[in-house]
Amino acid sequence: MTEQTKPTRGLPFWQRILITIVAMLIASFLFGQIWQAMFNTNIPSYVAGIIGGLFALPIWEALKRMRFDVSRR
């Protein structure tokens, strides 16, 4: 008997974008809370956007490289 390779594929685009947006929002929110605790003022919106965007980049790349087993047992 030969071992068959299981088909794998990455996440669909809509799932990657949804996960990335959620991660970006969570990162921005948490950074905003930390900023508020440290400086007792609201974080500027452009800084929150930069932090969220920078956090989203590695998440997006990691999701593109992930492969998931789609075979059923």
Protein backbone atom coordinates (compact mmCIF):
# COMPACT_ATOMS: atom_id res chain seq x y z
CA MET A 1 0.00 0.00 0.00
CA THR A 2 1.24 3.45 -0.83
CA GLU A 3 0.62 6.44 1.32
CA GLN A 4 -1.37 9.09 -0.46
CA THR A 5 -0.61 12.71 0.13
CA LYS A 6 -3.47 14.60 1.66
CA PRO A 7 -4.66 17.65 -0.26
CA THR A 8 -3.97 20.91 1.52
CA ARG A 9 -4.93 24.44 0.72
CA GLY A 10 -4.77 27.85 2.33
CA LEU A 11 -7.60 29.87 3.78
CA PRO A 12 -9.92 31.62 1.34
CA PHE A 13 -9.35 35.34 0.87
CA TRP A 14 -12.47 36.39 2.80
CA GLN A 15 -11.41 34.38 5.87
CA ARG A 16 -7.89 35.81 5.78
CA ILE A 17 -9.19 39.36 5.50
CA LEU A 18 -11.72 38.83 8.31
CA ILE A 19 -9.12 37.39 10.69
CA THR A 20 -6.67 40.17 9.79
CA ILE A 21 -9.24 42.92 10.42
CA VAL A 22 -10.21 41.41 13.78
CA ALA A 23 -6.54 41.14 14.79
CA MET A 24 -5.96 44.75 13.69
CA LEU A 25 -8.91 46.02 15.73
CA ILE A 26 -7.86 44.08 18.81
CA ALA A 27 -4.27 45.37 18.55
CA SER A 28 -5.46 48.96 18.14
CA PHE A 29 -7.85 48.66 21.07
CA LEU A 30 -5.25 47.12 23.39
CA PHE A 31 -2.64 49.69 22.43
CA GLY A 32 -5.22 52.43 23.05
CA GLN A 33 -5.89 51.05 26.53
CA ILE A 34 -2.17 50.90 27.31
CA TRP A 35 -1.72 54.47 26.00
CA GLN A 36 -4.64 55.65 28.16
CA ALA A 37 -3.17 54.03 31.27
CA MET A 38 0.31 55.45 30.64
CA PHE A 39 -0.47 59.00 29.48
CA ASN A 40 -4.02 59.57 30.80
CA THR A 41 -5.17 60.81 27.40
CA ASN A 42 -6.67 59.30 24.26
CA ILE A 43 -4.34 57.94 21.60
CA PRO A 44 -4.31 59.89 18.33
CA SER A 45 -6.30 58.00 15.70
CA TYR A 46 -3.44 57.96 13.18
CA VAL A 47 -1.16 56.28 15.76
CA ALA A 48 -3.79 53.62 16.49
CA GLY A 49 -4.14 53.02 12.75
CA ILE A 50 -0.39 52.66 12.30
CA ILE A 51 -0.12 50.23 15.22
CA GLY A 52 -3.07 48.16 13.96
CA GLY A 53 -1.71 48.10 10.42
CA LEU A 54 1.77 47.08 11.50
CA PHE A 55 0.31 44.30 13.63
CA ALA A 56 -1.89 43.12 10.75
CA LEU A 57 0.98 42.66 8.27
CA PRO A 58 2.60 39.62 9.93
CA ILE A 59 -0.84 38.13 10.64
CA TRP A 60 -1.76 38.39 6.94
CA GLU A 61 1.53 36.81 5.84
CA ALA A 62 1.21 33.98 8.36
CA LEU A 63 -2.34 33.22 7.22
CA LYS A 64 -1.22 33.14 3.56
CA ARG A 65 1.44 30.55 4.38
CA MET A 66 -0.76 28.29 6.51
CA ARG A 67 -2.03 25.12 4.93
CA PHE A 68 -5.03 23.21 6.18
CA ASP A 69 -5.95 19.59 5.62
CA VAL A 70 -9.19 19.40 3.67
CA SER A 71 -9.50 15.63 3.47
CA ARG A 72 -12.22 13.92 5.44
CA ARG A 73 -11.56 10.81 7.46
